[in-house]
PDB file of all heavy atoms in Angstrom:
ATOM      1  N   GLY A   1      24.952 -63.001 -42.870  1.00  0.00           N
ATOM      2  CA  GLY A   1      24.023 -62.535 -41.897  1.00  0.00           C
ATOM      3  C   GLY A   1      24.670 -61.915 -40.736  1.00  0.00           C
ATOM      4  O   GLY A   1      24.110 -61.114 -40.055  1.00  0.00           O
ATOM      5  N   GLN A   2      25.930 -62.233 -40.353  1.00  0.00           N
ATOM      6  CA  GLN A   2      26.666 -61.596 -39.366  1.00  0.00           C
ATOM      7  C   GLN A   2      26.889 -60.144 -39.726  1.00  0.00           C
ATOM      8  O   GLN A   2      27.088 -59.796 -40.851  1.00  0.00           O
ATOM      9  CB  GLN A   2      27.952 -62.335 -38.984  1.00  0.00           C
ATOM     10  CG  GLN A   2      27.898 -63.800 -38.357  1.00  0.00           C
ATOM     11  CD  GLN A   2      29.141 -64.275 -37.969  1.00  0.00           C
ATOM     12  OE1 GLN A   2      30.059 -64.514 -38.752  1.00  0.00           O
ATOM     13  NE2 GLN A   2      29.176 -64.792 -36.681  1.00  0.00           N
ATOM     14  N   THR A   3      27.091 -59.319 -38.644  1.00  0.00           N
ATOM     15  CA  THR A   3      27.387 -57.902 -38.813  1.00  0.00           C
ATOM     16  C   THR A   3      28.908 -57.697 -38.509  1.00  0.00           C
ATOM     17  O   THR A   3      29.398 -58.003 -37.532  1.00  0.00           O
ATOM     18  CB  THR A   3      26.506 -57.128 -37.793  1.00  0.00           C
ATOM     19  OG1 THR A   3      25.107 -57.242 -38.041  1.00  0.00           O
ATOM     20  CG2 THR A   3      26.920 -55.607 -38.100  1.00  0.00           C
ATOM     21  N   LEU A   4      29.505 -57.151 -39.617  1.00  0.00           N
ATOM     22  CA  LEU A   4      30.914 -56.753 -39.509  1.00  0.00           C
ATOM     23  C   LEU A   4      31.049 -55.376 -39.287  1.00  0.00           C
ATOM     24  O   LEU A   4      30.360 -54.544 -39.997  1.00  0.00           O
ATOM     25  CB  LEU A   4      31.690 -57.113 -40.701  1.00  0.00           C
ATOM     26  CG  LEU A   4      33.091 -56.723 -40.860  1.00  0.00           C
ATOM     27  CD1 LEU A   4      34.012 -57.352 -39.856  1.00  0.00           C
ATOM     28  CD2 LEU A   4      33.702 -56.850 -42.249  1.00  0.00           C
ATOM     29  N   SER A   5      31.747 -54.927 -38.241  1.00  0.00           N
ATOM     30  CA  SER A   5      32.036 -53.458 -38.073  1.00  0.00           C
ATOM     31  C   SER A   5      33.448 -53.170 -38.009  1.00  0.00           C
ATOM     32  O   SER A   5      34.210 -53.946 -37.552  1.00  0.00           O
ATOM     33  CB  SER A   5      31.304 -53.071 -36.698  1.00  0.00           C
ATOM     34  OG  SER A   5      31.832 -53.737 -35.598  1.00  0.00           O
ATOM     35  N   VAL A   6      33.810 -52.101 -38.668  1.00  0.00           N
ATOM     36  CA  VAL A   6      35.243 -51.599 -38.751  1.00  0.00           C
ATOM     37  C   VAL A   6      35.366 -50.201 -38.451  1.00  0.00           C
ATOM     38  O   VAL A   6      34.510 -49.326 -39.075  1.00  0.00           O
ATOM     39  CB  VAL A   6      35.840 -51.936 -40.096  1.00  0.00           C
ATOM     40  CG1 VAL A   6      37.298 -51.619 -40.204  1.00  0.00           C
ATOM     41  CG2 VAL A   6      35.662 -53.425 -40.469  1.00  0.00           C
ATOM     42  N   LYS A   7      36.242 -49.797 -37.623  1.00  0.00           N
ATOM     43  CA  LYS A   7      36.402 -48.338 -37.401  1.00  0.00           C
ATOM     44  C   LYS A   7      37.905 -48.048 -37.358  1.00  0.00           C
ATOM     45  O   LYS A   7      38.690 -48.867 -36.707  1.00  0.00           O
ATOM     46  CB  LYS A   7      35.911 -47.961 -35.879  1.00  0.00           C
ATOM     47  CG  LYS A   7      34.385 -47.887 -35.751  1.00  0.00           C
ATOM     48  CD  LYS A   7      33.986 -47.491 -34.325  1.00  0.00           C
ATOM     49  CE  LYS A   7      32.466 -47.580 -34.357  1.00  0.00           C
ATOM     50  NZ  LYS A   7      32.107 -48.484 -33.209  1.00  0.00           N
ATOM     51  N   LEU A   8      38.191 -46.975 -38.106  1.00  0.00           N
ATOM     52  CA  LEU A   8      39.688 -46.602 -38.201  1.00  0.00           C
ATOM     53  C   LEU A   8      39.828 -45.183 -37.615  1.00  0.00           C
ATOM     54  O   LEU A   8      39.089 -44.271 -37.858  1.00  0.00           O
ATOM     55  CB  LEU A   8      39.945 -46.478 -39.924  1.00  0.00           C
ATOM     56  CG  LEU A   8      41.442 -46.016 -40.078  1.00  0.00           C
ATOM     57  CD1 LEU A   8      42.455 -47.055 -39.830  1.00  0.00           C
ATOM     58  CD2 LEU A   8      41.506 -45.552 -41.573  1.00  0.00           C
ATOM     59  N   LYS A   9      41.004 -45.192 -36.803  1.00  0.00           N
ATOM     60  CA  LYS A   9      41.321 -43.845 -36.289  1.00  0.00           C
ATOM     61  C   LYS A   9      42.755 -43.746 -36.727  1.00  0.00           C
ATOM     62  O   LYS A   9      43.490 -44.587 -36.552  1.00  0.00           O
ATOM     63  CB  LYS A   9      41.289 -43.861 -34.654  1.00  0.00           C
ATOM     64  CG  LYS A   9      39.834 -43.930 -34.144  1.00  0.00           C
ATOM     65  CD  LYS A   9      39.905 -43.917 -32.605  1.00  0.00           C
ATOM     66  CE  LYS A   9      38.473 -43.953 -32.030  1.00  0.00           C
ATOM     67  NZ  LYS A   9      38.325 -44.366 -30.707  1.00  0.00           N
ATOM     68  N   THR A  10      42.957 -42.455 -37.159  1.00  0.00           N
ATOM     69  CA  THR A  10      44.309 -42.210 -37.830  1.00  0.00           C
ATOM     70  C   THR A  10      44.809 -40.800 -37.631  1.00  0.00           C
ATOM     71  O   THR A  10      43.791 -39.802 -37.433  1.00  0.00           O
ATOM     72  CB  THR A  10      44.276 -42.629 -39.356  1.00  0.00           C
ATOM     73  OG1 THR A  10      45.516 -42.310 -39.921  1.00  0.00           O
ATOM     74  CG2 THR A  10      43.167 -41.726 -40.080  1.00  0.00           C
ATOM     75  N   ASN A  11      45.928 -40.555 -37.728  1.00  0.00           N
ATOM     76  CA  ASN A  11      46.702 -39.208 -37.674  1.00  0.00           C
ATOM     77  C   ASN A  11      46.811 -38.606 -39.000  1.00  0.00           C
ATOM     78  O   ASN A  11      47.387 -37.495 -39.168  1.00  0.00           O
ATOM     79  CB  ASN A  11      47.900 -39.160 -36.932  1.00  0.00           C
ATOM     80  CG  ASN A  11      49.036 -39.897 -37.663  1.00  0.00           C
ATOM     81  OD1 ASN A  11      48.729 -40.766 -38.607  1.00  0.00           O
ATOM     82  ND2 ASN A  11      50.281 -39.701 -37.378  1.00  0.00           N
ATOM     83  N   GLN A  12      46.469 -39.423 -40.037  1.00  0.00           N
ATOM     84  CA  GLN A  12      46.699 -38.977 -41.603  1.00  0.00           C
ATOM     85  C   GLN A  12      45.340 -38.904 -42.268  1.00  0.00           C
ATOM     86  O   GLN A  12      44.638 -39.889 -42.367  1.00  0.00           O
ATOM     87  CB  GLN A  12      47.698 -39.950 -42.123  1.00  0.00           C
ATOM     88  CG  GLN A  12      47.847 -39.887 -43.527  1.00  0.00           C
ATOM     89  CD  GLN A  12      48.351 -38.616 -44.131  1.00  0.00           C
ATOM     90  OE1 GLN A  12      47.693 -37.923 -44.725  1.00  0.00           O
ATOM     91  NE2 GLN A  12      49.635 -38.405 -43.841  1.00  0.00           N
ATOM     92  N   PRO A  13      44.891 -37.514 -42.689  1.00  0.00           N
ATOM     93  CA  PRO A  13      43.722 -37.456 -43.355  1.00  0.00           C
ATOM     94  C   PRO A  13      43.566 -38.237 -44.632  1.00  0.00           C
ATOM     95  O   PRO A  13      42.437 -38.457 -45.193  1.00  0.00           O
ATOM     96  CB  PRO A  13      43.616 -36.040 -43.605  1.00  0.00           C
ATOM     97  CG  PRO A  13      44.888 -35.533 -43.403  1.00  0.00           C
ATOM     98  CD  PRO A  13      45.652 -36.375 -42.560  1.00  0.00           C
ATOM     99  N   SER A  14      44.658 -38.764 -45.295  1.00  0.00           N
ATOM    100  CA  SER A  14      44.519 -39.621 -46.473  1.00  0.00           C
ATOM    101  C   SER A  14      44.608 -41.097 -46.269  1.00  0.00           C
ATOM    102  O   SER A  14      44.716 -41.893 -47.103  1.00  0.00           O
ATOM    103  CB  SER A  14      45.625 -39.253 -47.591  1.00  0.00           C
ATOM    104  OG  SER A  14      45.432 -37.855 -47.916  1.00  0.00           O
ATOM    105  N   ASN A  15      44.422 -41.534 -45.003  1.00  0.00           N
ATOM    106  CA  ASN A  15      44.528 -42.885 -44.584  1.00  0.00           C
ATOM    107  C   ASN A  15      43.073 -43.463 -44.450  1.00  0.00           C
ATOM    108  O   ASN A  15      42.147 -42.789 -43.750  1.00  0.00           O
ATOM    109  CB  ASN A  15      45.174 -42.958 -43.176  1.00  0.00           C
ATOM    110  CG  ASN A  15      45.340 -44.388 -42.640  1.00  0.00           C
ATOM    111  OD1 ASN A  15      45.653 -44.617 -41.509  1.00  0.00           O
ATOM    112  ND2 ASN A  15      45.231 -45.395 -43.558  1.00  0.00           N
ATOM    113  N   TYR A  16      42.718 -44.580 -45.262  1.00  0.00           N
ATOM    114  CA  TYR A  16      41.415 -45.082 -45.326  1.00  0.00           C
ATOM    115  C   TYR A  16      41.601 -46.692 -45.284  1.00  0.00           C
ATOM    116  O   TYR A  16      42.596 -47.316 -45.312  1.00  0.00           O
ATOM    117  CB  TYR A  16      40.737 -44.751 -46.536  1.00  0.00           C
ATOM    118  CG  TYR A  16      40.354 -43.260 -46.598  1.00  0.00           C
ATOM    119  CD1 TYR A  16      41.129 -42.432 -47.405  1.00  0.00           C
ATOM    120  CD2 TYR A  16      39.323 -42.723 -46.002  1.00  0.00           C
ATOM    121  CE1 TYR A  16      40.928 -41.088 -47.441  1.00  0.00           C
ATOM    122  CE2 TYR A  16      39.050 -41.363 -45.918  1.00  0.00           C
ATOM    123  CZ  TYR A  16      39.735 -40.538 -46.688  1.00  0.00           C
ATOM    124  OH  TYR A  16      39.458 -39.275 -46.834  1.00  0.00           O
ATOM    125  N   PHE A  17      40.427 -47.298 -45.319  1.00  0.00           N
ATOM    126  CA  PHE A  17      40.418 -48.776 -45.355  1.00  0.00           C
ATOM    127  C   PHE A  17      39.308 -49.162 -46.444  1.00  0.00           C
ATOM    128  O   PHE A  17      38.340 -48.467 -46.642  1.00  0.00           O
ATOM    129  CB  PHE A  17      40.199 -49.437 -44.206  1.00  0.00           C
ATOM    130  CG  PHE A  17      38.801 -49.308 -43.557  1.00  0.00           C
ATOM    131  CD1 PHE A  17      37.794 -50.229 -43.806  1.00  0.00           C
ATOM    132  CD2 PHE A  17      38.433 -48.194 -42.687  1.00  0.00           C
ATOM    133  CE1 PHE A  17      36.497 -50.001 -43.288  1.00  0.00           C
ATOM    134  CE2 PHE A  17      37.272 -48.024 -42.124  1.00  0.00           C
ATOM    135  CZ  PHE A  17      36.185 -48.994 -42.438  1.00  0.00           C
ATOM    136  N   ASN A  18      39.402 -50.416 -47.110  1.00  0.00           N
ATOM    137  CA  ASN A  18      38.452 -50.916 -47.880  1.00  0.00           C
ATOM    138  C   ASN A  18      38.115 -52.275 -47.265  1.00  0.00           C
ATOM    139  O   ASN A  18      38.909 -52.873 -46.559  1.00  0.00           O
ATOM    140  CB  ASN A  18      38.964 -51.110 -49.301  1.00  0.00           C
ATOM    141  CG  ASN A  18      39.288 -49.909 -50.114  1.00  0.00           C
ATOM    142  OD1 ASN A  18      38.690 -48.879 -49.704  1.00  0.00           O
ATOM    143  ND2 ASN A  18      40.004 -49.948 -51.144  1.00  0.00           N
ATOM    144  N   VAL A  19      36.895 -52.794 -47.658  1.00  0.00           N
ATOM    145  CA  VAL A  19      36.437 -54.117 -47.208  1.00  0.00           C
ATOM    146  C   VAL A  19      36.162 -54.880 -48.390  1.00  0.00           C
ATOM    147  O   VAL A  19      35.366 -54.431 -49.231  1.00  0.00           O
ATOM    148  CB  VAL A  19      35.273 -54.121 -46.332  1.00  0.00           C
ATOM    149  CG1 VAL A  19      34.794 -55.581 -45.856  1.00  0.00           C
ATOM    150  CG2 VAL A  19      35.448 -53.301 -44.989  1.00  0.00           C
ATOM    151  N   ARG A  20      36.824 -56.017 -48.538  1.00  0.00           N
ATOM    152  CA  ARG A  20      36.764 -56.872 -49.839  1.00  0.00           C
ATOM    153  C   ARG A  20      36.005 -58.166 -49.437  1.00  0.00           C
ATOM    154  O   ARG A  20      36.410 -58.734 -48.340  1.00  0.00           O
ATOM    155  CB  ARG A  20      37.989 -57.090 -50.453  1.00  0.00           C
ATOM    156  CG  ARG A  20      38.640 -55.779 -51.030  1.00  0.00           C
ATOM    157  CD  ARG A  20      39.699 -56.257 -51.965  1.00  0.00           C
ATOM    158  NE  ARG A  20      40.184 -55.013 -52.581  1.00  0.00           N
ATOM    159  CZ  ARG A  20      39.603 -54.279 -53.567  1.00  0.00           C
ATOM    160  NH1 ARG A  20      38.527 -54.728 -54.004  1.00  0.00           N
ATOM    161  NH2 ARG A  20      40.102 -53.221 -54.084  1.00  0.00           N
ATOM    162  N   GLN A  21      35.328 -58.665 -50.292  1.00  0.00           N
ATOM    163  CA  GLN A  21      34.516 -59.980 -50.088  1.00  0.00           C
ATOM    164  C   GLN A  21      35.194 -60.958 -50.989  1.00  0.00           C
ATOM    165  O   GLN A  21      35.642 -60.671 -52.138  1.00  0.00           O
ATOM    166  CB  GLN A  21      33.088 -59.766 -50.596  1.00  0.00           C
ATOM    167  CG  GLN A  21      32.224 -61.083 -50.473  1.00  0.00           C
ATOM    168  CD  GLN A  21      30.797 -60.854 -50.971  1.00  0.00           C
ATOM    169  OE1 GLN A  21      30.411 -59.758 -51.345  1.00  0.00           O
ATOM    170  NE2 GLN A  21      30.124 -61.947 -51.207  1.00  0.00           N
ATOM    171  N   PRO A  22      35.407 -62.210 -50.437  1.00  0.00           N
ATOM    172  CA  PRO A  22      36.113 -63.140 -51.282  1.00  0.00           C
ATOM    173  C   PRO A  22      35.338 -63.480 -52.652  1.00  0.00           C
ATOM    174  O   PRO A  22      34.060 -63.498 -52.746  1.00  0.00           O
ATOM    175  CB  PRO A  22      35.994 -64.405 -50.428  1.00  0.00           C
ATOM    176  CG  PRO A  22      34.915 -64.264 -49.500  1.00  0.00           C
ATOM    177  CD  PRO A  22      34.764 -62.797 -49.246  1.00  0.00           C
ATOM    178  N   GLY A  23      36.275 -63.516 -53.680  1.00  0.00           N
ATOM    179  CA  GLY A  23      35.710 -63.815 -55.040  1.00  0.00           C
ATOM    180  C   GLY A  23      35.108 -62.732 -55.816  1.00  0.00           C
ATOM    181  O   GLY A  23      34.495 -62.864 -56.864  1.00  0.00           O
ATOM    182  N   GLN A  24      35.066 -61.482 -55.112  1.00  0.00           N
ATOM    183  CA  GLN A  24      34.451 -60.287 -55.787  1.00  0.00           C
ATOM    184  C   GLN A  24      35.480 -59.277 -56.159  1.00  0.00           C
ATOM    185  O   GLN A  24      36.297 -59.056 -55.444  1.00  0.00           O
ATOM    186  CB  GLN A  24      33.411 -59.676 -54.832  1.00  0.00           C
ATOM    187  CG  GLN A  24      32.220 -60.670 -54.434  1.00  0.00           C
ATOM    188  CD  GLN A  24      31.423 -60.878 -55.538  1.00  0.00           C
ATOM    189  OE1 GLN A  24      31.085 -60.156 -56.402  1.00  0.00           O
ATOM    190  NE2 GLN A  24      31.009 -62.256 -55.630  1.00  0.00           N
ATOM    191  N   ASP A  25      35.538 -58.768 -57.327  1.00  0.00           N
ATOM    192  CA  ASP A  25      36.218 -57.691 -57.833  1.00  0.00           C
ATOM    193  C   ASP A  25      36.109 -56.414 -57.098  1.00  0.00           C
ATOM    194  O   ASP A  25      36.959 -55.634 -56.782  1.00  0.00           O
ATOM    195  CB  ASP A  25      36.237 -57.574 -59.323  1.00  0.00           C
ATOM    196  CG  ASP A  25      36.729 -58.723 -60.015  1.00  0.00           C
ATOM    197  OD1 ASP A  25      37.566 -59.442 -59.441  1.00  0.00           O
ATOM    198  OD2 ASP A  25      36.247 -58.957 -61.300  1.00  0.00           O
ATOM    199  N   GLU A  26      34.796 -56.050 -56.991  1.00  0.00           N
ATOM    200  CA  GLU A  26      34.390 -54.713 -56.439  1.00  0.00           C
ATOM    201  C   GLU A  26      34.413 -54.877 -54.877  1.00  0.00           C
ATOM    202  O   GLU A  26      33.915 -55.747 -54.257  1.00  0.00           O
ATOM    203  CB  GLU A  26      33.057 -54.323 -57.051  1.00  0.00           C
ATOM    204  CG  GLU A  26      32.865 -52.775 -56.726  1.00  0.00           C
ATOM    205  CD  GLU A  26      31.615 -52.351 -57.603  1.00  0.00           C
ATOM    206  OE1 GLU A  26      31.498 -52.640 -58.665  1.00  0.00           O
ATOM    207  OE2 GLU A  26      30.664 -51.789 -56.934  1.00  0.00           O
ATOM    208  N   ALA A  27      34.901 -53.781 -54.233  1.00  0.00           N
ATOM    209  CA  ALA A  27      35.002 -53.805 -52.801  1.00  0.00           C
ATOM    210  C   ALA A  27      33.624 -53.649 -52.171  1.00  0.00           C
ATOM    211  O   ALA A  27      32.733 -52.992 -52.816  1.00  0.00           O
ATOM    212  CB  ALA A  27      35.827 -52.647 -52.296  1.00  0.00           C
ATOM    213  N   LEU A  28      33.277 -54.156 -51.027  1.00  0.00           N
ATOM    214  CA  LEU A  28      31.949 -54.003 -50.334  1.00  0.00           C
ATOM    215  C   LEU A  28      31.950 -52.490 -49.876  1.00  0.00           C
ATOM    216  O   LEU A  28      30.796 -52.033 -49.773  1.00  0.00           O
ATOM    217  CB  LEU A  28      31.893 -54.983 -49.149  1.00  0.00           C
ATOM    218  CG  LEU A  28      31.348 -56.325 -49.269  1.00  0.00           C
ATOM    219  CD1 LEU A  28      31.365 -57.071 -47.984  1.00  0.00           C
ATOM    220  CD2 LEU A  28      29.955 -56.400 -49.972  1.00  0.00           C
TER     221      LEU A  28
END
């Protein structure tokens, strides 16, 4: 129920992030 927020700023257009939940194979 808590809200997680993530923002990425980068100098590289191929730079990203994933968010993973514990015990789950597929990323959120």
